[in-house]
Amino acid sequence: MRRWTGVALSLVVLLTGGTACGSGARDAGGCAVGVAYGWPGRGDNWLNDLAAAGVDEARAEVGLGPRQVVELSPGDEDTEDHKAERLRQLAAEGCDLVVAVSGEYAGPLATVAADFPAVRFAVADAREITGPNIANLVFAAPEGSYLVGAAAALKSRTGRIGFLGGMRTRELEGFRAGYTAGALAVRPDVTVDNAWIDDGPGGFDDPERARRIATEMYSTGVDVVYQAAGLSGPGVFDAARKAGGLAVGVDVDQYRTAAPEVRDVILTSMIKRLDLAVRRIIVDAHRGDFRPGEIRFDLANNGVGYTTSGGHADDVVPRLEALKAQIVAGRISVPAR
């Protein structure tokens, strides 16, 4: 079991001119930013590290010097109450902006934001909560999935590809729908098999079960599998390696983060630029341009996309770029379900 520790992992110093932040921060002589990470925090080679990169980029971009940014991460156990306490601690410490880097914070953040109306909050991947002091950082994942679906279909030797999701959610249905649409757009006769690891969140942390399901998919003729399964993903890469197939990563460039022995099976990854989103919200808040509501990151502003690390997709990049241009121009409508 993971056990929560309500302590700051690090203090990164920020300085502001004192004009762009809220009144509480001005009274304190500076602007503090609080960051609430998901488990396990910095050093995960995943979305937490992307968010941390955005924090560091924002500091450099606006030339901020000594002032504290408090970063909190959960321990081994992390309930809704723990998340709320973490957000409340950041708000109570005087942070003018509190950034929650995971949609898992949605429920607790809605409550805490209402209790601290003078504090500005931003949350990633949670469009369902709203408030006058809440910014929603949302990603057009179906658009990025459309492009990796096209890549999978173009690179498939068998004409049969697969999608494996951690659990069936509205968001992941968008990944599946975009992937399928992109594949059919470039190869109308392609077959797309779909599977889900679990009915609950355990599907995002079960690489062995993911390996078994992916192995079955490869054994039936699927030769490329797009996994949107969080920490279960390495199981898919292992299955691809043993089957002589290919896999598609998700969220980050998994060719760069996966174990060396499976990197060569990663065709591409659908990336969400959480670093860009976190950098933008911090910079906007510092400059007095914080706006509540949905802030969309899509192909048009490079908020989502695909990777070419490893070179497997190099020969299909011209086709993918042509599709991207059509999506940005509005000539292709990408389904969200």
C-alpha atoms as a PDB file:
ATOM      1  CA  MET A   1       0.000   0.000   0.000  1.00  0.00           C
ATOM      2  CA  ARG A   2       1.159   3.512  -0.755  1.00  0.00           C
ATOM      3  CA  ARG A   3       1.288   5.772   2.279  1.00  0.00           C
ATOM      4  CA  TRP A   4       0.776   9.515   1.950  1.00  0.00           C
ATOM      5  CA  THR A   5       3.352  11.945   3.229  1.00  0.00           C
ATOM      6  CA  GLY A   6       2.202  15.544   3.342  1.00  0.00           C
ATOM      7  CA  VAL A   7       5.600  17.106   2.965  1.00  0.00           C
ATOM      8  CA  ALA A   8       7.151  19.273   0.288  1.00  0.00           C
ATOM      9  CA  LEU A   9       9.575  17.326  -1.825  1.00  0.00           C
ATOM     10  CA  SER A  10      11.388  20.425  -2.921  1.00  0.00           C
ATOM     11  CA  LEU A  11      11.332  24.176  -2.783  1.00  0.00           C
ATOM     12  CA  VAL A  12      12.046  25.931  -6.019  1.00  0.00           C
ATOM     13  CA  VAL A  13      12.460  29.672  -5.725  1.00  0.00           C
ATOM     14  CA  LEU A  14      10.496  32.129  -7.811  1.00  0.00           C
ATOM     15  CA  LEU A  15      10.441  35.894  -7.770  1.00  0.00           C
ATOM     16  CA  THR A  16       7.868  38.256  -9.167  1.00  0.00           C
ATOM     17  CA  GLY A  17       7.719  41.978  -9.621  1.00  0.00           C
ATOM     18  CA  GLY A  18       4.645  41.950  -7.386  1.00  0.00           C
ATOM     19  CA  THR A  19       2.201  43.335  -9.926  1.00  0.00           C
ATOM     20  CA  ALA A  20       0.806  40.296 -11.647  1.00  0.00           C
ATOM     21  CA  CYS A  21      -0.165  38.099  -8.721  1.00  0.00           C
ATOM     22  CA  GLY A  22      -3.181  38.131  -6.448  1.00  0.00           C
ATOM     23  CA  SER A  23      -3.506  40.514  -3.540  1.00  0.00           C
ATOM     24  CA  GLY A  24      -2.394  37.937  -0.977  1.00  0.00           C
ATOM     25  CA  ALA A  25       0.818  37.304  -2.895  1.00  0.00           C
ATOM     26  CA  ARG A  26       1.432  41.036  -3.354  1.00  0.00           C
ATOM     27  CA  ASP A  27       1.031  41.623   0.380  1.00  0.00           C
ATOM     28  CA  ALA A  28       3.673  38.935   0.930  1.00  0.00           C
ATOM     29  CA  GLY A  29       6.001  40.676  -1.508  1.00  0.00           C
ATOM     30  CA  GLY A  30       6.006  37.928  -4.144  1.00  0.00           C
ATOM     31  CA  CYS A  31       4.097  35.277  -6.030  1.00  0.00           C
ATOM     32  CA  ALA A  32       4.153  31.645  -4.896  1.00  0.00           C
ATOM     33  CA  VAL A  33       3.211  28.705  -7.103  1.00  0.00           C
ATOM     34  CA  GLY A  34       2.127  25.392  -5.642  1.00  0.00           C
ATOM     35  CA  VAL A  35       2.356  22.170  -7.638  1.00  0.00           C
ATOM     36  CA  ALA A  36       0.516  18.982  -6.664  1.00  0.00           C
ATOM     37  CA  TYR A  37       1.951  15.979  -8.468  1.00  0.00           C
ATOM     38  CA  GLY A  38       0.505  12.529  -8.959  1.00  0.00           C
ATOM     39  CA  TRP A  39       2.248   9.454  -7.648  1.00  0.00           C
ATOM     40  CA  PRO A  40       5.234   9.158  -7.410  1.00  0.00           C
ATOM     41  CA  GLY A  41       6.172  12.763  -8.250  1.00  0.00           C
ATOM     42  CA  ARG A  42       9.284  13.992 -10.022  1.00  0.00           C
ATOM     43  CA  GLY A  43      11.477  11.273 -11.456  1.00  0.00           C
ATOM     44  CA  ASP A  44       8.714   9.082 -12.928  1.00  0.00           C
ATOM     45  CA  ASN A  45       9.794   9.427 -16.596  1.00  0.00           C
ATOM     46  CA  TRP A  46       6.141  10.177 -17.254  1.00  0.00           C
ATOM     47  CA  LEU A  47       3.652  13.000 -16.856  1.00  0.00           C
ATOM     48  CA  ASN A  48       5.018  14.217 -13.534  1.00  0.00           C
ATOM     49  CA  ASP A  49       8.389  14.833 -15.137  1.00  0.00           C
ATOM     50  CA  LEU A  50       6.710  16.647 -18.018  1.00  0.00           C
ATOM     51  CA  ALA A  51       4.865  18.885 -15.561  1.00  0.00           C
ATOM     52  CA  ALA A  52       8.087  19.514 -13.651  1.00  0.00           C
ATOM     53  CA  ALA A  53       9.799  20.521 -16.894  1.00  0.00           C
ATOM     54  CA  GLY A  54       7.004  23.037 -17.458  1.00  0.00           C
ATOM     55  CA  VAL A  55       7.587  24.503 -13.988  1.00  0.00           C
ATOM     56  CA  ASP A  56      11.297  24.856 -14.697  1.00  0.00           C
ATOM     57  CA  GLU A  57      10.694  26.362 -18.147  1.00  0.00           C
ATOM     58  CA  ALA A  58       8.263  28.927 -16.742  1.00  0.00           C
ATOM     59  CA  ARG A  59      10.802  30.022 -14.157  1.00  0.00           C
ATOM     60  CA  ALA A  60      13.420  30.555 -16.851  1.00  0.00           C
ATOM     61  CA  GLU A  61      11.040  32.208 -19.310  1.00  0.00           C
ATOM     62  CA  VAL A  62       9.804  34.956 -17.018  1.00  0.00           C
ATOM     63  CA  GLY A  63      13.161  35.451 -15.336  1.00  0.00           C
ATOM     64  CA  LEU A  64      11.911  34.681 -11.851  1.00  0.00           C
ATOM     65  CA  GLY A  65      14.415  34.554  -9.034  1.00  0.00           C
ATOM     66  CA  PRO A  66      14.231  33.833  -5.274  1.00  0.00           C
ATOM     67  CA  ARG A  67      10.703  33.047  -4.257  1.00  0.00           C
ATOM     68  CA  GLN A  68       9.226  29.716  -3.287  1.00  0.00           C
ATOM     69  CA  VAL A  69       7.374  27.233  -5.433  1.00  0.00           C
ATOM     70  CA  VAL A  70       6.189  24.434  -3.190  1.00  0.00           C
ATOM     71  CA  GLU A  71       5.961  21.012  -4.833  1.00  0.00           C
ATOM     72  CA  LEU A  72       4.024  18.232  -3.092  1.00  0.00           C
ATOM     73  CA  SER A  73       3.826  14.569  -4.063  1.00  0.00           C
ATOM     74  CA  PRO A  74       1.844  11.661  -2.605  1.00  0.00           C
ATOM     75  CA  GLY A  75       3.343   8.703  -0.890  1.00  0.00           C
ATOM     76  CA  ASP A  76       2.305   5.083  -1.312  1.00  0.00           C
ATOM     77  CA  GLU A  77      -1.338   5.582  -0.297  1.00  0.00           C
ATOM     78  CA  ASP A  78      -3.259   8.490  -1.771  1.00  0.00           C
ATOM     79  CA  THR A  79      -6.976   8.851  -1.056  1.00  0.00           C
ATOM     80  CA  GLU A  80      -9.316  11.675  -2.044  1.00  0.00           C
ATOM     81  CA  ASP A  81      -8.842  13.142   1.429  1.00  0.00           C
ATOM     82  CA  HIS A  82      -5.071  13.096   0.994  1.00  0.00           C
ATOM     83  CA  LYS A  83      -5.366  14.924  -2.323  1.00  0.00           C
ATOM     84  CA  ALA A  84      -7.646  17.533  -0.769  1.00  0.00           C
ATOM     85  CA  GLU A  85      -5.283  18.025   2.151  1.00  0.00           C
ATOM     86  CA  ARG A  86      -2.363  18.504  -0.245  1.00  0.00           C
ATOM     87  CA  LEU A  87      -4.223  21.160  -2.247  1.00  0.00           C
ATOM     88  CA  ARG A  88      -5.444  22.832   0.922  1.00  0.00           C
ATOM     89  CA  GLN A  89      -1.900  22.980   2.293  1.00  0.00           C
ATOM     90  CA  LEU A  90      -0.656  24.728  -0.842  1.00  0.00           C
ATOM     91  CA  ALA A  91      -3.515  27.232  -0.803  1.00  0.00           C
ATOM     92  CA  ALA A  92      -3.115  27.903   2.917  1.00  0.00           C
ATOM     93  CA  GLU A  93       0.613  28.523   2.491  1.00  0.00           C
ATOM     94  CA  GLY A  94      -0.216  31.551   0.362  1.00  0.00           C
ATOM     95  CA  CYS A  95       0.324  30.115  -3.101  1.00  0.00           C
ATOM     96  CA  ASP A  96      -1.339  32.437  -5.582  1.00  0.00           C
ATOM     97  CA  LEU A  97      -1.598  29.665  -8.174  1.00  0.00           C
ATOM     98  CA  VAL A  98      -2.006  25.966  -7.399  1.00  0.00           C
ATOM     99  CA  VAL A  99      -1.465  23.530 -10.270  1.00  0.00           C
ATOM    100  CA  ALA A 100      -2.737  19.934 -10.034  1.00  0.00           C
ATOM    101  CA  VAL A 101      -1.033  17.910 -12.743  1.00  0.00           C
ATOM    102  CA  SER A 102      -3.514  15.011 -12.842  1.00  0.00           C
ATOM    103  CA  GLY A 103      -7.229  14.633 -13.408  1.00  0.00           C
ATOM    104  CA  GLU A 104      -7.301  12.475 -10.283  1.00  0.00           C
ATOM    105  CA  TYR A 105      -7.398  15.756  -8.364  1.00  0.00           C
ATOM    106  CA  ALA A 106     -10.687  16.853  -9.959  1.00  0.00           C
ATOM    107  CA  GLY A 107     -13.073  16.124  -7.074  1.00  0.00           C
ATOM    108  CA  PRO A 108     -10.848  17.400  -4.262  1.00  0.00           C
ATOM    109  CA  LEU A 109      -9.873  20.473  -6.249  1.00  0.00           C
ATOM    110  CA  ALA A 110     -13.492  21.492  -6.820  1.00  0.00           C
ATOM    111  CA  THR A 111     -14.038  21.531  -3.060  1.00  0.00           C
ATOM    112  CA  VAL A 112     -10.785  23.255  -2.117  1.00  0.00           C
ATOM    113  CA  ALA A 113     -11.115  25.896  -4.843  1.00  0.00           C
ATOM    114  CA  ALA A 114     -14.493  26.896  -3.461  1.00  0.00           C
ATOM    115  CA  ASP A 115     -12.961  27.268   0.004  1.00  0.00           C
ATOM    116  CA  PHE A 116     -10.133  29.500  -1.305  1.00  0.00           C
ATOM    117  CA  PRO A 117     -11.777  31.890  -3.805  1.00  0.00           C
ATOM    118  CA  ALA A 118      -8.757  34.217  -3.864  1.00  0.00           C
ATOM    119  CA  VAL A 119      -6.417  31.431  -4.967  1.00  0.00           C
ATOM    120  CA  ARG A 120      -6.239  30.454  -8.620  1.00  0.00           C
ATOM    121  CA  PHE A 121      -6.253  26.752  -9.480  1.00  0.00           C
ATOM    122  CA  ALA A 122      -5.384  24.805 -12.634  1.00  0.00           C
ATOM    123  CA  VAL A 123      -5.992  21.109 -13.210  1.00  0.00           C
ATOM    124  CA  ALA A 124      -4.968  18.872 -16.103  1.00  0.00           C
ATOM    125  CA  ASP A 125      -7.310  16.412 -17.808  1.00  0.00           C
ATOM    126  CA  ALA A 126     -10.434  17.390 -15.864  1.00  0.00           C
ATOM    127  CA  ARG A 127     -12.886  19.447 -17.880  1.00  0.00           C
ATOM    128  CA  GLU A 128     -15.851  18.401 -15.748  1.00  0.00           C
ATOM    129  CA  ILE A 129     -15.169  20.760 -12.838  1.00  0.00           C
ATOM    130  CA  THR A 130     -15.646  24.475 -13.227  1.00  0.00           C
ATOM    131  CA  GLY A 131     -15.392  27.582 -11.097  1.00  0.00           C
ATOM    132  CA  PRO A 132     -14.483  31.264 -11.284  1.00  0.00           C
ATOM    133  CA  ASN A 133     -10.937  30.459 -10.109  1.00  0.00           C
ATOM    134  CA  ILE A 134     -10.367  27.149 -11.957  1.00  0.00           C
ATOM    135  CA  ALA A 135      -8.549  26.731 -15.274  1.00  0.00           C
ATOM    136  CA  ASN A 136      -8.950  23.379 -17.030  1.00  0.00           C
ATOM    137  CA  LEU A 137      -5.918  22.215 -19.024  1.00  0.00           C
ATOM    138  CA  VAL A 138      -7.411  19.829 -21.596  1.00  0.00           C
ATOM    139  CA  PHE A 139      -5.762  17.933 -24.413  1.00  0.00           C
ATOM    140  CA  ALA A 140      -7.210  16.978 -27.801  1.00  0.00           C
ATOM    141  CA  ALA A 141      -5.978  13.405 -27.434  1.00  0.00           C
ATOM    142  CA  PRO A 142      -8.264  12.103 -30.213  1.00  0.00           C
ATOM    143  CA  GLU A 143      -6.375  14.317 -32.678  1.00  0.00           C
ATOM    144  CA  GLY A 144      -3.004  12.901 -31.699  1.00  0.00           C
ATOM    145  CA  SER A 145      -4.495   9.406 -31.657  1.00  0.00           C
ATOM    146  CA  TYR A 146      -5.781   9.938 -35.202  1.00  0.00           C
ATOM    147  CA  LEU A 147      -2.222  10.440 -36.425  1.00  0.00           C
ATOM    148  CA  VAL A 148      -0.752   7.424 -34.625  1.00  0.00           C
ATOM    149  CA  GLY A 149      -3.685   5.370 -35.922  1.00  0.00           C
ATOM    150  CA  ALA A 150      -2.754   6.412 -39.436  1.00  0.00           C
ATOM    151  CA  ALA A 151       0.872   5.484 -38.744  1.00  0.00           C
ATOM    152  CA  ALA A 152      -0.146   2.069 -37.405  1.00  0.00           C
ATOM    153  CA  ALA A 153      -2.301   1.295 -40.446  1.00  0.00           C
ATOM    154  CA  LEU A 154       0.366   2.429 -42.887  1.00  0.00           C
ATOM    155  CA  LYS A 155       3.048   0.326 -41.195  1.00  0.00           C
ATOM    156  CA  SER A 156       0.931  -2.787 -40.618  1.00  0.00           C
ATOM    157  CA  ARG A 157       1.932  -5.796 -42.693  1.00  0.00           C
ATOM    158  CA  THR A 158      -1.188  -7.824 -41.860  1.00  0.00           C
ATOM    159  CA  GLY A 159      -3.826  -5.131 -42.170  1.00  0.00           C
ATOM    160  CA  ARG A 160      -4.906  -5.776 -38.601  1.00  0.00           C
ATOM    161  CA  ILE A 161      -4.039  -3.445 -35.723  1.00  0.00           C
ATOM    162  CA  GLY A 162      -5.166  -3.115 -32.120  1.00  0.00           C
ATOM    163  CA  PHE A 163      -6.037  -0.713 -29.324  1.00  0.00           C
ATOM    164  CA  LEU A 164      -5.614  -1.629 -25.647  1.00  0.00           C
ATOM    165  CA  GLY A 165      -6.976   0.757 -23.005  1.00  0.00           C
ATOM    166  CA  GLY A 166      -6.457   0.661 -19.259  1.00  0.00           C
ATOM    167  CA  MET A 167     -10.189   0.971 -18.539  1.00  0.00           C
ATOM    168  CA  ARG A 168     -13.190   2.185 -20.485  1.00  0.00           C
ATOM    169  CA  THR A 169     -13.631   5.882 -19.754  1.00  0.00           C
ATOM    170  CA  ARG A 170     -14.973   8.784 -21.765  1.00  0.00           C
ATOM    171  CA  GLU A 171     -11.458  10.111 -22.251  1.00  0.00           C
ATOM    172  CA  LEU A 172     -10.008   6.809 -23.431  1.00  0.00           C
ATOM    173  CA  GLU A 173     -12.963   6.241 -25.755  1.00  0.00           C
ATOM    174  CA  GLY A 174     -11.666   9.378 -27.443  1.00  0.00           C
ATOM    175  CA  PHE A 175      -8.217   7.829 -27.817  1.00  0.00           C
ATOM    176  CA  ARG A 176      -9.789   4.695 -29.334  1.00  0.00           C
ATOM    177  CA  ALA A 177     -12.111   6.615 -31.655  1.00  0.00           C
ATOM    178  CA  GLY A 178      -9.359   8.880 -32.953  1.00  0.00           C
ATOM    179  CA  TYR A 179      -6.993   5.959 -33.490  1.00  0.00           C
ATOM    180  CA  THR A 180      -9.613   3.981 -35.415  1.00  0.00           C
ATOM    181  CA  ALA A 181     -10.621   6.958 -37.555  1.00  0.00           C
ATOM    182  CA  GLY A 182      -7.017   7.732 -38.478  1.00  0.00           C
ATOM    183  CA  ALA A 183      -6.337   4.136 -39.426  1.00  0.00           C
ATOM    184  CA  LEU A 184      -9.432   3.884 -41.630  1.00  0.00           C
ATOM    185  CA  ALA A 185      -8.685   7.231 -43.281  1.00  0.00           C
ATOM    186  CA  VAL A 186      -5.463   5.936 -44.817  1.00  0.00           C
ATOM    187  CA  ARG A 187      -6.393   2.266 -45.171  1.00  0.00           C
ATOM    188  CA  PRO A 188     -10.160   1.662 -45.377  1.00  0.00           C
ATOM    189  CA  ASP A 189      -9.751  -2.122 -45.329  1.00  0.00           C
ATOM    190  CA  VAL A 190      -7.783  -2.223 -42.063  1.00  0.00           C
ATOM    191  CA  THR A 191      -9.240  -4.113 -39.095  1.00  0.00           C
ATOM    192  CA  VAL A 192      -8.964  -2.541 -35.621  1.00  0.00           C
ATOM    193  CA  ASP A 193      -9.305  -4.849 -32.606  1.00  0.00           C
ATOM    194  CA  ASN A 194     -10.169  -3.234 -29.256  1.00  0.00           C
ATOM    195  CA  ALA A 195      -9.671  -4.455 -25.692  1.00  0.00           C
ATOM    196  CA  TRP A 196      -9.715  -3.075 -22.163  1.00  0.00           C
ATOM    197  CA  ILE A 197      -7.499  -4.323 -19.357  1.00  0.00           C
ATOM    198  CA  ASP A 198      -9.931  -3.830 -16.472  1.00  0.00           C
ATOM    199  CA  ASP A 199     -13.248  -2.297 -15.468  1.00  0.00           C
ATOM    200  CA  GLY A 200     -11.498  -0.120 -12.873  1.00  0.00           C
ATOM    201  CA  PRO A 201      -8.336   1.944 -12.406  1.00  0.00           C
ATOM    202  CA  GLY A 202      -6.330  -1.191 -11.705  1.00  0.00           C
ATOM    203  CA  GLY A 203      -6.074  -1.499 -15.476  1.00  0.00           C
ATOM    204  CA  PHE A 204      -3.525   1.283 -15.456  1.00  0.00           C
ATOM    205  CA  ASP A 205      -1.153  -0.592 -13.147  1.00  0.00           C
ATOM    206  CA  ASP A 206      -1.182  -4.207 -14.308  1.00  0.00           C
ATOM    207  CA  PRO A 207       1.581  -4.805 -16.870  1.00  0.00           C
ATOM    208  CA  GLU A 208       1.294  -8.591 -16.577  1.00  0.00           C
ATOM    209  CA  ARG A 209      -2.373  -8.597 -17.542  1.00  0.00           C
ATOM    210  CA  ALA A 210      -1.637  -6.116 -20.334  1.00  0.00           C
ATOM    211  CA  ARG A 211       1.092  -8.462 -21.585  1.00  0.00           C
ATOM    212  CA  ARG A 212      -1.318 -11.404 -21.663  1.00  0.00           C
ATOM    213  CA  ILE A 213      -4.029  -9.500 -23.537  1.00  0.00           C
ATOM    214  CA  ALA A 214      -1.558  -8.030 -26.016  1.00  0.00           C
ATOM    215  CA  THR A 215       0.024 -11.441 -26.572  1.00  0.00           C
ATOM    216  CA  GLU A 216      -3.402 -12.793 -27.519  1.00  0.00           C
ATOM    217  CA  MET A 217      -3.951  -9.882 -29.909  1.00  0.00           C
ATOM    218  CA  TYR A 218      -0.619 -10.470 -31.638  1.00  0.00           C
ATOM    219  CA  SER A 219      -1.342 -14.195 -31.892  1.00  0.00           C
ATOM    220  CA  THR A 220      -4.510 -13.482 -33.917  1.00  0.00           C
ATOM    221  CA  GLY A 221      -2.725 -11.440 -36.573  1.00  0.00           C
ATOM    222  CA  VAL A 222      -2.589  -7.984 -35.037  1.00  0.00           C
ATOM    223  CA  ASP A 223       0.877  -6.566 -35.652  1.00  0.00           C
ATOM    224  CA  VAL A 224       0.623  -3.043 -34.145  1.00  0.00           C
ATOM    225  CA  VAL A 225      -1.010  -2.272 -30.763  1.00  0.00           C
ATOM    226  CA  TYR A 226      -1.677   1.230 -29.412  1.00  0.00           C
ATOM    227  CA  GLN A 227      -1.675   1.080 -25.637  1.00  0.00           C
ATOM    228  CA  ALA A 228      -3.328   3.809 -23.569  1.00  0.00           C
ATOM    229  CA  ALA A 229      -2.795   2.058 -20.280  1.00  0.00           C
ATOM    230  CA  GLY A 230      -0.441   4.022 -18.072  1.00  0.00           C
ATOM    231  CA  LEU A 231       1.900   1.833 -16.042  1.00  0.00           C
ATOM    232  CA  SER A 232       0.502  -1.272 -17.754  1.00  0.00           C
ATOM    233  CA  GLY A 233       2.096  -0.183 -21.020  1.00  0.00           C
ATOM    234  CA  PRO A 234       5.441  -1.969 -20.568  1.00  0.00           C
ATOM    235  CA  GLY A 235       3.561  -5.271 -20.682  1.00  0.00           C
ATOM    236  CA  VAL A 236       2.417  -4.435 -24.207  1.00  0.00           C
ATOM    237  CA  PHE A 237       5.954  -3.569 -25.283  1.00  0.00           C
ATOM    238  CA  ASP A 238       7.204  -6.888 -23.946  1.00  0.00           C
ATOM    239  CA  ALA A 239       4.465  -8.764 -25.804  1.00  0.00           C
ATOM    240  CA  ALA A 240       5.336  -6.908 -29.019  1.00  0.00           C
ATOM    241  CA  ARG A 241       9.004  -7.806 -28.659  1.00  0.00           C
ATOM    242  CA  LYS A 242       8.248 -11.500 -28.206  1.00  0.00           C
ATOM    243  CA  ALA A 243       5.727 -11.545 -31.068  1.00  0.00           C
ATOM    244  CA  GLY A 244       7.851  -9.584 -33.514  1.00  0.00           C
ATOM    245  CA  GLY A 245       5.233  -6.856 -33.655  1.00  0.00           C
ATOM    246  CA  LEU A 246       5.124  -3.120 -33.062  1.00  0.00           C
ATOM    247  CA  ALA A 247       3.504  -0.973 -30.379  1.00  0.00           C
ATOM    248  CA  VAL A 248       2.456   2.646 -29.991  1.00  0.00           C
ATOM    249  CA  GLY A 249       3.233   4.550 -26.797  1.00  0.00           C
ATOM    250  CA  VAL A 250       1.156   7.203 -25.089  1.00  0.00           C
ATOM    251  CA  ASP A 251       1.422  10.552 -23.282  1.00  0.00           C
ATOM    252  CA  VAL A 252       5.228  10.830 -23.499  1.00  0.00           C
ATOM    253  CA  ASP A 253       7.893   9.728 -25.992  1.00  0.00           C
ATOM    254  CA  GLN A 254       8.095   6.178 -24.710  1.00  0.00           C
ATOM    255  CA  TYR A 255      10.952   5.278 -27.028  1.00  0.00           C
ATOM    256  CA  ARG A 256      13.044   7.464 -24.742  1.00  0.00           C
ATOM    257  CA  THR A 257      11.617   6.219 -21.443  1.00  0.00           C
ATOM    258  CA  ALA A 258      11.048   2.505 -22.039  1.00  0.00           C
ATOM    259  CA  ALA A 259      13.522  -0.221 -21.129  1.00  0.00           C
ATOM    260  CA  PRO A 260      16.300  -0.509 -23.741  1.00  0.00           C
ATOM    261  CA  GLU A 261      15.330  -4.040 -24.732  1.00  0.00           C
ATOM    262  CA  VAL A 262      11.852  -2.969 -25.939  1.00  0.00           C
ATOM    263  CA  ARG A 263      12.573   0.406 -27.524  1.00  0.00           C
ATOM    264  CA  ASP A 264      12.902  -1.031 -31.013  1.00  0.00           C
ATOM    265  CA  VAL A 265       9.254  -2.179 -31.004  1.00  0.00           C
ATOM    266  CA  ILE A 266       7.895   1.337 -30.403  1.00  0.00           C
ATOM    267  CA  LEU A 267       6.632   2.684 -33.709  1.00  0.00           C
ATOM    268  CA  THR A 268       5.642   6.101 -32.344  1.00  0.00           C
ATOM    269  CA  SER A 269       3.981   7.647 -29.294  1.00  0.00           C
ATOM    270  CA  MET A 270       0.959   9.917 -29.001  1.00  0.00           C
ATOM    271  CA  ILE A 271       2.205  12.737 -26.802  1.00  0.00           C
ATOM    272  CA  LYS A 272       0.363  15.215 -24.606  1.00  0.00           C
ATOM    273  CA  ARG A 273       2.449  18.326 -23.961  1.00  0.00           C
ATOM    274  CA  LEU A 274       1.757  18.720 -20.264  1.00  0.00           C
ATOM    275  CA  ASP A 275       5.034  20.623 -20.001  1.00  0.00           C
ATOM    276  CA  LEU A 276       3.698  23.236 -22.406  1.00  0.00           C
ATOM    277  CA  ALA A 277       0.400  23.478 -20.518  1.00  0.00           C
ATOM    278  CA  VAL A 278       2.005  23.916 -17.096  1.00  0.00           C
ATOM    279  CA  ARG A 279       4.490  26.453 -18.429  1.00  0.00           C
ATOM    280  CA  ARG A 280       1.706  28.449 -20.063  1.00  0.00           C
ATOM    281  CA  ILE A 281      -0.580  28.609 -17.022  1.00  0.00           C
ATOM    282  CA  ILE A 282       2.259  29.710 -14.732  1.00  0.00           C
ATOM    283  CA  VAL A 283       3.502  32.335 -17.185  1.00  0.00           C
ATOM    284  CA  ASP A 284      -0.029  33.622 -17.838  1.00  0.00           C
ATOM    285  CA  ALA A 285      -0.757  33.882 -14.115  1.00  0.00           C
ATOM    286  CA  HIS A 286       2.521  35.723 -13.516  1.00  0.00           C
ATOM    287  CA  ARG A 287       1.643  38.217 -16.252  1.00  0.00           C
ATOM    288  CA  GLY A 288      -1.858  38.801 -14.912  1.00  0.00           C
ATOM    289  CA  ASP A 289      -3.585  36.850 -17.675  1.00  0.00           C
ATOM    290  CA  PHE A 290      -5.058  33.920 -15.747  1.00  0.00           C
ATOM    291  CA  ARG A 291      -8.406  32.965 -17.244  1.00  0.00           C
ATOM    292  CA  PRO A 292     -10.724  30.366 -15.750  1.00  0.00           C
ATOM    293  CA  GLY A 293     -12.324  27.764 -17.938  1.00  0.00           C
ATOM    294  CA  GLU A 294     -11.044  25.399 -20.583  1.00  0.00           C
ATOM    295  CA  ILE A 295      -7.627  25.922 -22.143  1.00  0.00           C
ATOM    296  CA  ARG A 296      -7.283  23.536 -25.076  1.00  0.00           C
ATOM    297  CA  PHE A 297      -4.042  21.992 -26.265  1.00  0.00           C
ATOM    298  CA  ASP A 298      -4.342  20.414 -29.693  1.00  0.00           C
ATOM    299  CA  LEU A 299      -2.514  19.872 -32.978  1.00  0.00           C
ATOM    300  CA  ALA A 300      -2.878  23.541 -33.895  1.00  0.00           C
ATOM    301  CA  ASN A 301      -0.770  24.707 -30.930  1.00  0.00           C
ATOM    302  CA  ASN A 302       1.368  21.549 -30.735  1.00  0.00           C
ATOM    303  CA  GLY A 303      -0.317  20.530 -27.489  1.00  0.00           C
ATOM    304  CA  VAL A 304      -0.613  16.956 -28.784  1.00  0.00           C
ATOM    305  CA  GLY A 305       1.253  15.117 -31.494  1.00  0.00           C
ATOM    306  CA  TYR A 306       3.293  12.069 -32.425  1.00  0.00           C
ATOM    307  CA  THR A 307       6.957  11.128 -32.137  1.00  0.00           C
ATOM    308  CA  THR A 308       9.500   9.800 -34.612  1.00  0.00           C
ATOM    309  CA  SER A 309      12.187   8.563 -32.211  1.00  0.00           C
ATOM    310  CA  GLY A 310      13.719   5.311 -33.406  1.00  0.00           C
ATOM    311  CA  GLY A 311      13.014   6.015 -37.058  1.00  0.00           C
ATOM    312  CA  HIS A 312      10.250   3.417 -37.603  1.00  0.00           C
ATOM    313  CA  ALA A 313       7.750   6.056 -38.749  1.00  0.00           C
ATOM    314  CA  ASP A 314      10.109   8.191 -40.842  1.00  0.00           C
ATOM    315  CA  ASP A 315       8.741   6.956 -44.176  1.00  0.00           C
ATOM    316  CA  VAL A 316       5.139   7.837 -43.298  1.00  0.00           C
ATOM    317  CA  VAL A 317       5.804  11.286 -41.813  1.00  0.00           C
ATOM    318  CA  PRO A 318       4.774  13.111 -45.033  1.00  0.00           C
ATOM    319  CA  ARG A 319       1.369  11.406 -44.903  1.00  0.00           C
ATOM    320  CA  LEU A 320       0.980  12.173 -41.206  1.00  0.00           C
ATOM    321  CA  GLU A 321       1.918  15.820 -41.687  1.00  0.00           C
ATOM    322  CA  ALA A 322      -0.609  16.140 -44.518  1.00  0.00           C
ATOM    323  CA  LEU A 323      -3.315  14.726 -42.251  1.00  0.00           C
ATOM    324  CA  LYS A 324      -2.261  17.058 -39.444  1.00  0.00           C
ATOM    325  CA  ALA A 325      -2.565  20.064 -41.748  1.00  0.00           C
ATOM    326  CA  GLN A 326      -6.078  19.006 -42.758  1.00  0.00           C
ATOM    327  CA  ILE A 327      -7.151  18.580 -39.143  1.00  0.00           C
ATOM    328  CA  VAL A 328      -5.762  21.993 -38.183  1.00  0.00           C
ATOM    329  CA  ALA A 329      -7.501  23.561 -41.175  1.00  0.00           C
ATOM    330  CA  GLY A 330     -10.815  21.984 -40.186  1.00  0.00           C
ATOM    331  CA  ARG A 331     -11.062  19.775 -43.273  1.00  0.00           C
ATOM    332  CA  ILE A 332     -10.949  16.619 -41.152  1.00  0.00           C
ATOM    333  CA  SER A 333     -13.227  16.257 -38.144  1.00  0.00           C
ATOM    334  CA  VAL A 334     -11.788  13.844 -35.591  1.00  0.00           C
ATOM    335  CA  PRO A 335     -14.384  11.883 -33.584  1.00  0.00           C
ATOM    336  CA  ALA A 336     -14.222  12.065 -29.808  1.00  0.00           C
ATOM    337  CA  ARG A 337     -16.072   8.755 -29.320  1.00  0.00           C
END
